[in-house]
Amino acid sequence: MVSVPAFEEAVASIADDPPDAAIVNLTPCGLPWRELKAACQRHEPPIPVLFESCVFRSPDEAGLGRLDASAAFLTKPYPLSQLRREIDRLLLAAAGDEQPPFRSAAARPAAKS
């Protein structure tokens, strides 16, 4: 996991050393979040990105516009189960598989004895 403290560094990181996925905390600074979303979508394959915010209540309000299958938006606070579901969904869409590449501990079936 890598934490990037500034918007410009995040956009540069996507171009120079793309992550497998991203979680972005949207702040009310008036940053061009749509530009970051577009950078993730332009990558081949697209970088799954989860946007979260306690300020904005929708992708449109945050300036993101319409989200495709490679992006999600959560309003804080949210339950951990919702975060897990969205991450699983994004990774499933990115993998193009019927099953996500991993399942969270809460979603795993109990071991059979």
C-alpha atoms as a PDB file:
ATOM      1  CA  MET A   1       0.000   0.000   0.000  1.00  0.00           C
ATOM      2  CA  VAL A   2       1.230   3.461  -0.872  1.00  0.00           C
ATOM      3  CA  SER A   3      -0.098   6.704   0.538  1.00  0.00           C
ATOM      4  CA  VAL A   4       0.231   9.762  -1.677  1.00  0.00           C
ATOM      5  CA  PRO A   5      -0.170  13.083   0.161  1.00  0.00           C
ATOM      6  CA  ALA A   6      -0.797  15.406  -2.800  1.00  0.00           C
ATOM      7  CA  PHE A   7      -3.117  15.355  -5.802  1.00  0.00           C
ATOM      8  CA  GLU A   8      -0.326  16.000  -8.314  1.00  0.00           C
ATOM      9  CA  GLU A   9       1.679  13.096  -6.877  1.00  0.00           C
ATOM     10  CA  ALA A  10      -1.351  10.810  -7.204  1.00  0.00           C
ATOM     11  CA  VAL A  11      -1.819  11.658 -10.894  1.00  0.00           C
ATOM     12  CA  ALA A  12       1.931  11.246 -11.535  1.00  0.00           C
ATOM     13  CA  SER A  13       1.965   7.934  -9.665  1.00  0.00           C
ATOM     14  CA  ILE A  14      -0.826   6.570 -11.854  1.00  0.00           C
ATOM     15  CA  ALA A  15       1.212   7.379 -14.957  1.00  0.00           C
ATOM     16  CA  ASP A  16       4.671   6.393 -13.655  1.00  0.00           C
ATOM     17  CA  ASP A  17       4.022   3.480 -11.301  1.00  0.00           C
ATOM     18  CA  PRO A  18       0.355   2.481 -11.584  1.00  0.00           C
ATOM     19  CA  PRO A  19      -1.185   0.763  -8.571  1.00  0.00           C
ATOM     20  CA  ASP A  20      -3.330  -2.369  -8.853  1.00  0.00           C
ATOM     21  CA  ALA A  21      -6.203  -0.384  -7.326  1.00  0.00           C
ATOM     22  CA  ALA A  22      -6.764   2.925  -5.540  1.00  0.00           C
ATOM     23  CA  ILE A  23      -8.823   4.282  -2.674  1.00  0.00           C
ATOM     24  CA  VAL A  24      -9.157   8.052  -2.840  1.00  0.00           C
ATOM     25  CA  ASN A  25     -10.441  10.226  -0.017  1.00  0.00           C
ATOM     26  CA  LEU A  26     -12.137  13.209  -1.666  1.00  0.00           C
ATOM     27  CA  THR A  27     -11.531  16.517   0.078  1.00  0.00           C
ATOM     28  CA  PRO A  28     -13.451  19.776  -0.428  1.00  0.00           C
ATOM     29  CA  CYS A  29     -10.415  21.559  -1.912  1.00  0.00           C
ATOM     30  CA  GLY A  30     -11.906  21.944  -5.374  1.00  0.00           C
ATOM     31  CA  LEU A  31      -9.386  19.570  -6.930  1.00  0.00           C
ATOM     32  CA  PRO A  32     -10.098  18.140 -10.410  1.00  0.00           C
ATOM     33  CA  TRP A  33     -11.154  14.685  -9.211  1.00  0.00           C
ATOM     34  CA  ARG A  34     -12.516  13.901 -12.679  1.00  0.00           C
ATOM     35  CA  GLU A  35      -8.918  14.184 -13.974  1.00  0.00           C
ATOM     36  CA  LEU A  36      -7.761  11.542 -11.494  1.00  0.00           C
ATOM     37  CA  LYS A  37     -10.674   9.292 -12.451  1.00  0.00           C
ATOM     38  CA  ALA A  38      -9.820   9.731 -16.155  1.00  0.00           C
ATOM     39  CA  ALA A  39      -6.158   8.853 -15.502  1.00  0.00           C
ATOM     40  CA  CYS A  40      -7.272   5.592 -13.863  1.00  0.00           C
ATOM     41  CA  GLN A  41      -9.656   4.822 -16.737  1.00  0.00           C
ATOM     42  CA  ARG A  42      -7.021   5.538 -19.425  1.00  0.00           C
ATOM     43  CA  HIS A  43      -4.624   2.997 -17.966  1.00  0.00           C
ATOM     44  CA  GLU A  44      -4.703  -0.413 -19.678  1.00  0.00           C
ATOM     45  CA  PRO A  45      -6.261  -2.269 -17.979  1.00  0.00           C
ATOM     46  CA  PRO A  46      -8.224   0.419 -16.116  1.00  0.00           C
ATOM     47  CA  ILE A  47      -7.202   0.913 -12.491  1.00  0.00           C
ATOM     48  CA  PRO A  48     -10.115   0.168 -10.143  1.00  0.00           C
ATOM     49  CA  VAL A  49     -10.700   3.203  -7.939  1.00  0.00           C
ATOM     50  CA  LEU A  50     -12.921   3.671  -4.910  1.00  0.00           C
ATOM     51  CA  PHE A  51     -13.726   7.292  -4.084  1.00  0.00           C
ATOM     52  CA  GLU A  52     -14.857   8.039  -0.536  1.00  0.00           C
ATOM     53  CA  SER A  53     -16.010  11.281   1.044  1.00  0.00           C
ATOM     54  CA  CYS A  54     -17.585  12.702   4.164  1.00  0.00           C
ATOM     55  CA  VAL A  55     -18.174  16.007   2.339  1.00  0.00           C
ATOM     56  CA  PHE A  56     -19.736  15.024  -0.980  1.00  0.00           C
ATOM     57  CA  ARG A  57     -22.897  12.931  -1.135  1.00  0.00           C
ATOM     58  CA  SER A  58     -22.634  11.734  -4.732  1.00  0.00           C
ATOM     59  CA  PRO A  59     -20.139  11.359  -7.588  1.00  0.00           C
ATOM     60  CA  ASP A  60     -21.799  14.284  -9.389  1.00  0.00           C
ATOM     61  CA  GLU A  61     -21.486  16.548  -6.340  1.00  0.00           C
ATOM     62  CA  ALA A  62     -17.769  15.656  -6.152  1.00  0.00           C
ATOM     63  CA  GLY A  63     -17.330  16.554  -9.816  1.00  0.00           C
ATOM     64  CA  LEU A  64     -16.671  12.971 -10.895  1.00  0.00           C
ATOM     65  CA  GLY A  65     -19.571  12.622 -13.284  1.00  0.00           C
ATOM     66  CA  ARG A  66     -20.823   9.179 -14.216  1.00  0.00           C
ATOM     67  CA  LEU A  67     -18.868   6.214 -12.825  1.00  0.00           C
ATOM     68  CA  ASP A  68     -18.232   3.089 -14.870  1.00  0.00           C
ATOM     69  CA  ALA A  69     -17.607  -0.459 -13.600  1.00  0.00           C
ATOM     70  CA  SER A  70     -14.006   0.418 -12.684  1.00  0.00           C
ATOM     71  CA  ALA A  71     -15.032   3.078 -10.140  1.00  0.00           C
ATOM     72  CA  ALA A  72     -17.173   3.309  -7.021  1.00  0.00           C
ATOM     73  CA  PHE A  73     -18.235   6.035  -4.608  1.00  0.00           C
ATOM     74  CA  LEU A  74     -18.971   5.682  -0.886  1.00  0.00           C
ATOM     75  CA  THR A  75     -20.239   8.334   1.489  1.00  0.00           C
ATOM     76  CA  LYS A  76     -18.586   8.267   4.923  1.00  0.00           C
ATOM     77  CA  PRO A  77     -19.280   6.896   7.375  1.00  0.00           C
ATOM     78  CA  TYR A  78     -19.993   3.510   5.887  1.00  0.00           C
ATOM     79  CA  PRO A  79     -19.973   0.017   7.381  1.00  0.00           C
ATOM     80  CA  LEU A  80     -16.885  -2.109   6.786  1.00  0.00           C
ATOM     81  CA  SER A  81     -19.108  -4.680   5.045  1.00  0.00           C
ATOM     82  CA  GLN A  82     -20.041  -2.090   2.411  1.00  0.00           C
ATOM     83  CA  LEU A  83     -16.367  -1.274   1.827  1.00  0.00           C
ATOM     84  CA  ARG A  84     -15.607  -4.972   1.388  1.00  0.00           C
ATOM     85  CA  ARG A  85     -18.489  -5.408  -1.069  1.00  0.00           C
ATOM     86  CA  GLU A  86     -17.356  -2.454  -3.189  1.00  0.00           C
ATOM     87  CA  ILE A  87     -13.720  -3.567  -3.225  1.00  0.00           C
ATOM     88  CA  ASP A  88     -14.763  -7.107  -4.184  1.00  0.00           C
ATOM     89  CA  ARG A  89     -17.007  -5.720  -6.954  1.00  0.00           C
ATOM     90  CA  LEU A  90     -14.249  -3.478  -8.330  1.00  0.00           C
ATOM     91  CA  LEU A  91     -11.691  -6.277  -8.327  1.00  0.00           C
ATOM     92  CA  LEU A  92     -14.182  -8.643  -9.952  1.00  0.00           C
ATOM     93  CA  ALA A  93     -14.848  -6.117 -12.712  1.00  0.00           C
ATOM     94  CA  ALA A  94     -11.103  -5.546 -13.183  1.00  0.00           C
ATOM     95  CA  ALA A  95     -10.372  -9.270 -13.364  1.00  0.00           C
ATOM     96  CA  GLY A  96     -13.244  -9.959 -15.745  1.00  0.00           C
ATOM     97  CA  ASP A  97     -13.864 -13.174 -13.808  1.00  0.00           C
ATOM     98  CA  GLU A  98     -16.951 -14.639 -12.273  1.00  0.00           C
ATOM     99  CA  GLN A  99     -15.254 -14.683  -8.879  1.00  0.00           C
ATOM    100  CA  PRO A 100     -13.302 -11.837  -7.275  1.00  0.00           C
ATOM    101  CA  PRO A 101      -9.538 -12.498  -6.988  1.00  0.00           C
ATOM    102  CA  PHE A 102      -9.950 -12.682  -3.215  1.00  0.00           C
ATOM    103  CA  ARG A 103     -12.758 -12.773  -0.733  1.00  0.00           C
ATOM    104  CA  SER A 104     -12.812 -10.879   2.498  1.00  0.00           C
ATOM    105  CA  ALA A 105     -12.696 -12.890   5.704  1.00  0.00           C
ATOM    106  CA  ALA A 106     -16.301 -11.959   6.434  1.00  0.00           C
ATOM    107  CA  ALA A 107     -17.413 -13.431   3.114  1.00  0.00           C
ATOM    108  CA  ARG A 108     -15.471 -16.702   3.350  1.00  0.00           C
ATOM    109  CA  PRO A 109     -17.475 -19.831   4.080  1.00  0.00           C
ATOM    110  CA  ALA A 110     -16.608 -21.646   7.284  1.00  0.00           C
ATOM    111  CA  ALA A 111     -14.033 -24.423   6.904  1.00  0.00           C
ATOM    112  CA  LYS A 112     -15.503 -27.918   6.773  1.00  0.00           C
ATOM    113  CA  SER A 113     -14.175 -30.430   9.237  1.00  0.00           C
END
